[in-house]
């Protein structure tokens, strides 16, 4: 994405970076993140449905079954909340990348225009 090159020769000279950004690739990445997010949401729903379809196979007719059921319910609730929080945060990533692409393209064009106007002076 970027290449490092010396800004000059001699001690104390700083280094600069040439940055080449592939805006189309970034846009494609945003699309891929969006698809991955949709897939993760679907997998989460399918997993929850599969777990619910098993009912309570440990039974509730004795103390051990009841203890297992209470533990399962608590762990399942924490897992579901954590998973939903993560999926909620993840859902905003594609928009963030698209905003970077739009802002980057506009900034790049403005810089090109500015350099062009300075050259014509």
C-alpha atoms as a PDB file:
ATOM      1  CA  UNK A   1       0.000   0.000   0.000  1.00  0.00           C
ATOM      2  CA  UNK A   2       2.820   2.400   0.793  1.00  0.00           C
ATOM      3  CA  UNK A   3       6.503   2.461   0.054  1.00  0.00           C
ATOM      4  CA  UNK A   4       9.134   3.978   2.243  1.00  0.00           C
ATOM      5  CA  UNK A   5      11.741   6.266   0.748  1.00  0.00           C
ATOM      6  CA  UNK A   6      14.229   8.663   2.247  1.00  0.00           C
ATOM      7  CA  UNK A   7      13.287  12.341   2.009  1.00  0.00           C
ATOM      8  CA  UNK A   8      16.917  13.322   1.640  1.00  0.00           C
ATOM      9  CA  UNK A   9      20.458  12.368   2.485  1.00  0.00           C
ATOM     10  CA  UNK A  10      22.355  12.972   5.662  1.00  0.00           C
ATOM     11  CA  UNK A  11      21.892  12.557   9.356  1.00  0.00           C
ATOM     12  CA  UNK A  12      18.644  13.802  10.843  1.00  0.00           C
ATOM     13  CA  UNK A  13      16.713  13.630   7.582  1.00  0.00           C
ATOM     14  CA  UNK A  14      13.205  12.343   8.028  1.00  0.00           C
ATOM     15  CA  UNK A  15      11.555   9.603   6.025  1.00  0.00           C
ATOM     16  CA  UNK A  16       8.380  10.064   4.033  1.00  0.00           C
ATOM     17  CA  UNK A  17       5.864   7.611   2.714  1.00  0.00           C
ATOM     18  CA  UNK A  18       4.443   7.374  -0.766  1.00  0.00           C
ATOM     19  CA  UNK A  19       0.942   6.043  -0.382  1.00  0.00           C
ATOM     20  CA  UNK A  20      -0.884   4.444  -3.259  1.00  0.00           C
ATOM     21  CA  UNK A  21      -4.467   3.598  -2.395  1.00  0.00           C
ATOM     22  CA  UNK A  22      -6.630   1.369  -4.551  1.00  0.00           C
ATOM     23  CA  UNK A  23     -10.057   2.924  -3.932  1.00  0.00           C
ATOM     24  CA  UNK A  24     -11.852   0.253  -5.963  1.00  0.00           C
ATOM     25  CA  UNK A  25     -10.207  -2.469  -3.859  1.00  0.00           C
ATOM     26  CA  UNK A  26     -11.263  -0.703  -0.666  1.00  0.00           C
ATOM     27  CA  UNK A  27     -14.829  -0.504  -1.978  1.00  0.00           C
ATOM     28  CA  UNK A  28     -14.681  -4.196  -2.821  1.00  0.00           C
ATOM     29  CA  UNK A  29     -13.425  -4.891   0.710  1.00  0.00           C
ATOM     30  CA  UNK A  30     -16.402  -3.004   2.155  1.00  0.00           C
ATOM     31  CA  UNK A  31     -18.704  -5.178   0.060  1.00  0.00           C
ATOM     32  CA  UNK A  32     -16.921  -8.310   1.288  1.00  0.00           C
ATOM     33  CA  UNK A  33     -17.173  -7.205   4.920  1.00  0.00           C
ATOM     34  CA  UNK A  34     -20.885  -6.596   4.409  1.00  0.00           C
ATOM     35  CA  UNK A  35     -21.358 -10.104   2.970  1.00  0.00           C
ATOM     36  CA  UNK A  36     -19.338 -11.627   5.827  1.00  0.00           C
ATOM     37  CA  UNK A  37     -21.487  -9.735   8.339  1.00  0.00           C
ATOM     38  CA  UNK A  38     -24.667 -11.041   6.724  1.00  0.00           C
ATOM     39  CA  UNK A  39     -23.263 -14.579   6.774  1.00  0.00           C
ATOM     40  CA  UNK A  40     -22.290 -14.232  10.446  1.00  0.00           C
ATOM     41  CA  UNK A  41     -25.788 -13.024  11.312  1.00  0.00           C
ATOM     42  CA  UNK A  42     -27.346 -15.955   9.482  1.00  0.00           C
ATOM     43  CA  UNK A  43     -24.989 -18.443  11.156  1.00  0.00           C
ATOM     44  CA  UNK A  44     -25.845 -16.959  14.546  1.00  0.00           C
ATOM     45  CA  UNK A  45     -29.585 -17.288  13.902  1.00  0.00           C
ATOM     46  CA  UNK A  46     -29.151 -20.860  12.627  1.00  0.00           C
ATOM     47  CA  UNK A  47     -27.082 -21.810  15.682  1.00  0.00           C
ATOM     48  CA  UNK A  48     -29.665 -20.358  18.078  1.00  0.00           C
ATOM     49  CA  UNK A  49     -32.458 -22.187  16.254  1.00  0.00           C
ATOM     50  CA  UNK A  50     -30.532 -25.460  16.315  1.00  0.00           C
ATOM     51  CA  UNK A  51     -29.857 -25.166  20.034  1.00  0.00           C
ATOM     52  CA  UNK A  52     -33.505 -24.321  20.733  1.00  0.00           C
ATOM     53  CA  UNK A  53     -34.645 -27.336  18.697  1.00  0.00           C
ATOM     54  CA  UNK A  54     -32.966 -29.685  21.179  1.00  0.00           C
ATOM     55  CA  UNK A  55     -35.251 -28.591  23.978  1.00  0.00           C
ATOM     56  CA  UNK A  56     -33.978 -29.616  27.408  1.00  0.00           C
ATOM     57  CA  UNK A  57     -32.306 -32.996  26.810  1.00  0.00           C
ATOM     58  CA  UNK A  58     -30.817 -32.989  30.332  1.00  0.00           C
ATOM     59  CA  UNK A  59     -34.304 -33.275  31.824  1.00  0.00           C
ATOM     60  CA  UNK A  60     -35.825 -31.429  34.731  1.00  0.00           C
ATOM     61  CA  UNK A  61     -36.908 -34.313  36.943  1.00  0.00           C
ATOM     62  CA  UNK A  62     -33.866 -34.278  39.248  1.00  0.00           C
ATOM     63  CA  UNK A  63     -31.432 -31.842  40.834  1.00  0.00           C
ATOM     64  CA  UNK A  64     -28.646 -32.549  38.330  1.00  0.00           C
ATOM     65  CA  UNK A  65     -30.879 -31.867  35.330  1.00  0.00           C
ATOM     66  CA  UNK A  66     -32.192 -28.703  36.919  1.00  0.00           C
ATOM     67  CA  UNK A  67     -28.645 -27.479  37.667  1.00  0.00           C
ATOM     68  CA  UNK A  68     -27.553 -28.189  34.102  1.00  0.00           C
ATOM     69  CA  UNK A  69     -30.608 -26.348  32.803  1.00  0.00           C
ATOM     70  CA  UNK A  70     -29.908 -23.276  34.943  1.00  0.00           C
ATOM     71  CA  UNK A  71     -26.241 -23.213  33.860  1.00  0.00           C
ATOM     72  CA  UNK A  72     -27.159 -23.664  30.215  1.00  0.00           C
ATOM     73  CA  UNK A  73     -29.715 -20.845  30.386  1.00  0.00           C
ATOM     74  CA  UNK A  74     -27.199 -18.454  32.001  1.00  0.00           C
ATOM     75  CA  UNK A  75     -24.362 -19.296  29.606  1.00  0.00           C
ATOM     76  CA  UNK A  76     -26.663 -19.139  26.594  1.00  0.00           C
ATOM     77  CA  UNK A  77     -27.923 -15.684  27.599  1.00  0.00           C
ATOM     78  CA  UNK A  78     -24.381 -14.328  28.016  1.00  0.00           C
ATOM     79  CA  UNK A  79     -23.285 -15.872  24.702  1.00  0.00           C
ATOM     80  CA  UNK A  80     -26.298 -14.463  22.868  1.00  0.00           C
ATOM     81  CA  UNK A  81     -25.807 -10.962  24.283  1.00  0.00           C
ATOM     82  CA  UNK A  82     -22.076 -10.949  23.492  1.00  0.00           C
ATOM     83  CA  UNK A  83     -22.666 -12.302  20.001  1.00  0.00           C
ATOM     84  CA  UNK A  84     -25.371  -9.724  19.261  1.00  0.00           C
ATOM     85  CA  UNK A  85     -23.180  -6.890  20.585  1.00  0.00           C
ATOM     86  CA  UNK A  86     -20.315  -7.977  18.346  1.00  0.00           C
ATOM     87  CA  UNK A  87     -22.536  -8.388  15.301  1.00  0.00           C
ATOM     88  CA  UNK A  88     -24.056  -4.971  15.982  1.00  0.00           C
ATOM     89  CA  UNK A  89     -20.627  -3.323  16.050  1.00  0.00           C
ATOM     90  CA  UNK A  90     -19.436  -5.299  13.032  1.00  0.00           C
ATOM     91  CA  UNK A  91     -22.445  -4.126  11.036  1.00  0.00           C
ATOM     92  CA  UNK A  92     -21.109  -0.559  10.932  1.00  0.00           C
ATOM     93  CA  UNK A  93     -17.728  -1.456   9.446  1.00  0.00           C
ATOM     94  CA  UNK A  94     -18.769  -1.459   5.762  1.00  0.00           C
ATOM     95  CA  UNK A  95     -20.214   2.055   6.062  1.00  0.00           C
ATOM     96  CA  UNK A  96     -16.988   3.217   7.714  1.00  0.00           C
ATOM     97  CA  UNK A  97     -14.870   1.814   4.907  1.00  0.00           C
ATOM     98  CA  UNK A  98     -17.176   3.360   2.298  1.00  0.00           C
ATOM     99  CA  UNK A  99     -16.882   6.707   4.063  1.00  0.00           C
ATOM    100  CA  UNK A 100     -13.080   6.389   3.976  1.00  0.00           C
ATOM    101  CA  UNK A 101     -13.255   5.655   0.243  1.00  0.00           C
ATOM    102  CA  UNK A 102     -15.500   8.638  -0.479  1.00  0.00           C
ATOM    103  CA  UNK A 103     -13.455  11.015   1.677  1.00  0.00           C
ATOM    104  CA  UNK A 104     -10.174   9.705   0.288  1.00  0.00           C
ATOM    105  CA  UNK A 105     -11.282  10.091  -3.306  1.00  0.00           C
ATOM    106  CA  UNK A 106     -12.518  13.637  -2.689  1.00  0.00           C
ATOM    107  CA  UNK A 107      -9.324  14.577  -0.858  1.00  0.00           C
ATOM    108  CA  UNK A 108      -7.152  13.062  -3.559  1.00  0.00           C
ATOM    109  CA  UNK A 109      -9.068  14.977  -6.240  1.00  0.00           C
ATOM    110  CA  UNK A 110      -8.879  18.240  -4.257  1.00  0.00           C
ATOM    111  CA  UNK A 111      -5.114  17.792  -3.841  1.00  0.00           C
ATOM    112  CA  UNK A 112      -4.710  17.078  -7.549  1.00  0.00           C
ATOM    113  CA  UNK A 113      -6.751  20.179  -8.377  1.00  0.00           C
ATOM    114  CA  UNK A 114      -4.698  22.300  -5.960  1.00  0.00           C
ATOM    115  CA  UNK A 115      -1.386  21.097  -7.421  1.00  0.00           C
ATOM    116  CA  UNK A 116      -2.733  21.750 -10.920  1.00  0.00           C
ATOM    117  CA  UNK A 117      -3.710  25.305 -10.021  1.00  0.00           C
ATOM    118  CA  UNK A 118      -0.286  26.000  -8.495  1.00  0.00           C
ATOM    119  CA  UNK A 119       1.473  24.690 -11.598  1.00  0.00           C
ATOM    120  CA  UNK A 120      -0.533  27.000 -13.834  1.00  0.00           C
ATOM    121  CA  UNK A 121       0.611  30.072 -11.911  1.00  0.00           C
END
